[in-house]
Protein backbone atom coordinates (compact mmCIF):
# COMPACT_ATOMS: atom_id res chain seq x y z
CA MET A 1 -18.38 -53.06 11.77
CA LYS A 2 -20.28 -55.02 14.22
CA TYR A 3 -17.86 -56.50 14.93
CA SER A 4 -16.35 -59.70 13.95
CA PHE A 5 -15.47 -61.21 10.53
CA ILE A 6 -11.97 -60.17 11.41
CA PHE A 7 -10.39 -62.23 8.75
CA ILE A 8 -13.25 -61.88 6.29
CA PHE A 9 -12.41 -58.18 6.09
CA LEU A 10 -8.87 -59.18 5.51
CA LEU A 11 -9.57 -61.74 2.87
CA MET A 12 -12.22 -59.87 0.99
CA ALA A 13 -10.05 -57.05 -0.11
CA LEU A 14 -6.71 -58.81 -0.31
CA THR A 15 -6.87 -62.42 -1.17
CA GLY A 16 -10.00 -64.16 -0.39
CA CYS A 17 -13.62 -63.57 0.41
CA LYS A 18 -15.47 -61.89 -2.37
CA ASP A 19 -18.85 -60.67 -3.35
CA SER A 20 -20.64 -63.08 -5.63
CA PRO A 21 -19.15 -62.33 -9.04
CA ASN A 22 -22.27 -62.94 -11.03
CA ALA A 23 -24.71 -61.05 -8.85
CA LYS A 24 -26.45 -58.14 -10.53
CA PRO A 25 -28.61 -55.35 -9.03
CA ALA A 26 -32.19 -56.28 -9.36
CA ALA A 27 -34.83 -54.07 -11.06
CA GLY A 28 -38.22 -54.54 -9.51
CA THR A 29 -40.04 -57.82 -10.30
CA GLU A 30 -37.52 -58.64 -13.09
CA THR A 31 -35.13 -60.05 -10.48
CA GLY A 32 -37.56 -62.68 -9.35
CA VAL A 33 -38.17 -60.82 -6.10
CA PRO A 34 -41.62 -59.35 -6.15
CA ASP A 35 -42.40 -55.77 -5.06
CA THR A 36 -43.40 -57.11 -1.72
CA ASP A 37 -43.34 -60.82 -0.69
CA PRO A 38 -44.51 -62.42 2.56
CA GLU A 39 -41.16 -61.69 4.16
CA GLY A 40 -41.33 -58.00 3.35
CA VAL A 41 -38.58 -58.10 0.83
CA LYS A 42 -38.65 -55.19 -1.54
CA SER A 43 -36.48 -54.39 -4.49
CA GLU A 44 -35.65 -50.70 -4.93
CA ILE A 45 -32.90 -49.72 -7.39
CA PRO A 46 -31.79 -46.50 -5.63
CA TYR A 47 -31.13 -48.28 -2.39
CA GLN A 48 -29.42 -51.08 -4.17
CA GLU A 49 -27.06 -48.68 -6.00
CA LYS A 50 -26.27 -46.75 -2.77
CA GLY A 51 -25.97 -49.89 -0.71
CA MET A 52 -23.53 -51.41 -3.15
CA GLU A 53 -21.47 -48.26 -3.37
CA TYR A 54 -21.20 -47.91 0.41
CA ALA A 55 -20.44 -51.56 1.01
CA MET A 56 -17.72 -51.60 -1.56
CA ALA A 57 -16.19 -48.36 -0.32
CA THR A 58 -16.00 -49.86 3.17
CA GLN A 59 -14.45 -53.05 1.80
CA ALA A 60 -11.81 -51.02 -0.06
CA ALA A 61 -10.94 -48.99 3.10
CA LEU A 62 -10.67 -52.03 5.26
CA GLY A 63 -8.61 -53.84 2.62
CA LYS A 64 -6.21 -51.06 2.29
CA ALA A 65 -5.58 -50.81 6.06
CA LEU A 66 -5.28 -54.50 6.45
CA GLN A 67 -3.00 -55.00 3.40
CA THR A 68 -0.62 -52.50 4.97
CA LYS A 69 -0.60 -54.37 8.24
CA ILE A 70 -0.05 -57.81 6.63
CA GLN A 71 2.89 -56.39 4.65
CA GLU A 72 4.34 -54.90 7.78
CA GLU A 73 3.73 -57.65 10.33
CA GLY A 74 2.06 -60.67 8.72
CA ILE A 75 -1.31 -62.41 8.91
CA GLN A 76 -1.25 -63.32 12.51
CA GLU A 77 -0.81 -59.74 13.62
CA ALA A 78 -3.39 -58.63 11.21
CA ILE A 79 -6.04 -60.64 13.06
CA GLY A 80 -5.54 -58.68 16.24
CA PHE A 81 -5.43 -55.47 14.22
CA CYS A 82 -8.77 -56.24 12.68
CA LYS A 83 -10.34 -56.80 16.07
CA VAL A 84 -9.21 -53.38 17.21
CA GLU A 85 -9.40 -51.32 13.98
CA ALA A 86 -12.19 -52.73 11.81
CA LEU A 87 -14.95 -51.12 13.78
CA PRO A 88 -13.56 -47.61 13.79
CA ILE A 89 -12.80 -47.83 10.02
CA THR A 90 -16.34 -49.07 9.29
CA ASP A 91 -17.89 -46.43 11.67
CA SER A 92 -16.04 -43.72 9.86
CA LEU A 93 -17.54 -44.79 6.57
CA SER A 94 -20.95 -45.12 8.18
CA GLY A 95 -20.62 -41.54 9.35
CA LYS A 96 -19.41 -40.33 6.00
CA PHE A 97 -22.43 -41.87 4.18
CA GLY A 98 -24.96 -41.30 6.89
CA VAL A 99 -25.87 -44.98 7.16
CA ASP A 100 -25.08 -47.94 9.39
CA ILE A 101 -22.68 -50.42 7.70
CA SER A 102 -22.13 -53.95 9.09
CA ARG A 103 -21.99 -57.66 8.32
CA ILE A 104 -24.27 -60.40 9.53
CA THR A 105 -23.97 -64.27 9.45
CA ASP A 106 -25.60 -67.52 10.51
CA LYS A 107 -22.13 -68.59 11.81
CA PRO A 108 -20.62 -65.62 13.71
CA ARG A 109 -17.11 -65.28 14.91
CA ASN A 110 -18.25 -62.52 17.27
CA PRO A 111 -21.87 -63.02 18.58
CA VAL A 112 -22.54 -59.34 17.77
CA ASN A 113 -22.63 -60.28 14.09
CA ALA A 114 -25.27 -63.00 14.46
CA ALA A 115 -28.25 -62.51 12.12
CA SER A 116 -31.60 -61.81 13.67
CA ALA A 117 -34.49 -64.27 13.25
CA GLU A 118 -35.84 -62.17 10.45
CA GLU A 119 -32.45 -61.88 8.71
CA MET A 120 -31.99 -65.70 8.94
CA LYS A 121 -34.89 -65.82 6.44
CA PHE A 122 -32.93 -63.74 3.97
CA ILE A 123 -29.82 -65.92 4.54
CA SER A 124 -31.91 -69.02 3.85
CA LYS A 125 -33.32 -67.44 0.68
CA ILE A 126 -29.88 -66.69 -0.69
CA LYS A 127 -28.48 -70.03 0.26
CA SER A 128 -31.38 -71.63 -1.61
CA GLU A 129 -30.59 -69.61 -4.73
CA LEU A 130 -26.90 -70.61 -4.51
CA GLY A 131 -27.91 -74.19 -4.17
CA THR A 132 -29.76 -74.10 -7.48
CA GLY A 133 -26.95 -72.25 -9.27
CA GLN A 134 -28.83 -68.94 -9.48
CA PRO A 135 -26.66 -65.84 -9.02
CA PRO A 136 -27.79 -64.30 -5.68
CA GLU A 137 -29.47 -60.94 -5.89
CA PRO A 138 -29.19 -57.97 -3.56
CA LEU A 139 -32.16 -57.48 -1.24
CA VAL A 140 -33.66 -54.27 -0.14
CA VAL A 141 -35.85 -54.77 2.92
CA ARG A 142 -38.20 -52.50 4.88
CA GLN A 143 -37.66 -53.22 8.57
CA GLY A 144 -39.58 -50.87 10.86
CA ASP A 145 -38.59 -47.34 10.08
CA ASP A 146 -35.46 -48.32 8.18
CA THR A 147 -34.60 -49.55 4.76
CA ASN A 148 -31.84 -52.20 4.79
CA PHE A 149 -29.63 -53.41 1.90
CA TYR A 150 -28.23 -56.93 2.04
CA TYR A 151 -25.64 -58.40 -0.31
CA PRO A 152 -24.02 -61.87 -0.12
CA ILE A 153 -20.39 -62.62 0.63
CA LEU A 154 -18.79 -65.90 -0.63
CA THR A 155 -15.53 -67.51 0.32
CA ASN A 156 -12.60 -68.50 -1.79
CA ASN A 157 -9.41 -70.38 -1.13
CA MET A 158 -7.63 -67.65 0.81
CA CYS A 159 -10.59 -67.15 3.13
CA LEU A 160 -10.02 -70.67 4.31
CA LYS A 161 -6.83 -69.50 6.06
CA CYS A 162 -9.10 -68.27 8.79
CA HIS A 163 -12.47 -69.86 8.10
CA GLY A 164 -11.62 -73.24 6.58
CA THR A 165 -10.96 -76.61 8.30
CA PRO A 166 -8.84 -76.42 11.52
CA GLU A 167 -5.41 -77.91 11.12
CA ASP A 168 -5.96 -78.58 7.42
CA ASP A 169 -6.58 -75.00 6.22
CA ILE A 170 -5.99 -72.91 9.46
CA GLN A 171 -2.53 -72.90 10.99
CA PRO A 172 -2.38 -73.88 14.70
CA ARG A 173 -1.01 -70.44 15.69
CA VAL A 174 -3.85 -68.71 13.86
CA LEU A 175 -6.36 -70.99 15.56
CA GLY A 176 -4.89 -70.12 18.90
CA ILE A 177 -5.27 -66.36 18.21
CA ILE A 178 -8.83 -66.82 17.04
CA ALA A 179 -9.64 -68.87 20.14
CA GLU A 180 -8.15 -66.25 22.43
CA LEU A 181 -9.86 -63.30 20.79
CA TYR A 182 -13.16 -65.00 19.94
CA PRO A 183 -13.88 -67.79 22.34
CA GLN A 184 -17.40 -68.28 20.96
CA ASP A 185 -16.25 -68.52 17.33
CA GLN A 186 -18.47 -70.58 14.99
CA ALA A 187 -16.89 -69.36 11.76
CA THR A 188 -14.80 -72.33 10.64
CA GLY A 189 -15.33 -75.30 8.48
CA TYR A 190 -16.06 -73.48 5.22
CA GLY A 191 -15.04 -74.72 1.79
CA ASN A 192 -14.28 -72.69 -1.28
CA ASN A 193 -17.05 -70.56 -2.87
CA GLN A 194 -19.47 -70.99 0.02
CA PHE A 195 -21.82 -68.44 1.46
CA ARG A 196 -20.24 -66.73 4.45
CA GLY A 197 -22.50 -63.88 5.29
CA LEU A 198 -24.18 -60.62 4.23
CA TRP A 199 -23.20 -57.03 3.91
CA LYS A 200 -25.83 -54.89 5.60
CA VAL A 201 -26.28 -51.26 4.92
CA SER A 202 -29.04 -49.68 6.98
CA PHE A 203 -30.67 -46.51 5.78
CA LYS A 204 -32.14 -45.17 9.08
CA GLY A 205 -35.55 -43.56 8.91
CA GLU A 206 -35.95 -44.16 5.20
């Protein structure tokens, strides 16, 4: 995975960050997303189904590996484990499915995970939906020669152990590890049930 969200991987499968529980795959214009809007957003059920399947399979694989690490050595050691092992696990699933799987965000822990200018539009769109109480929908987007699937990730209480308020939610030792491994970290200050980022599944050449 490219290549941060170290603890978001941890928390999604184990205790914390989650996909939006009310989100449902869209079906054409019935989702409120037109066939093609000015941003190039396009809803296509086959890509939504595949994208969701691949994203959730990756989540499960990461969660299993990280749960084992936490049980054996604790949360603090799992942070370092994530930095080293999350990418190979994600790449193995990308290879298995023949796609590129990653996460993007407007507040990256690792700069590699920063959303592009175009993807920031999708993030703004989903944040606006969440602000009005609408369940966020998956997006399927044509970008160049590729078709990209995006799906939102929200926080919950356990995500705050790594992404919440320093000192209040995040233990000093954990903050120290994050600062050491990710000196450009922007991924703190979240509350419960807030938008954290997007799964991205890229179907190359499709």
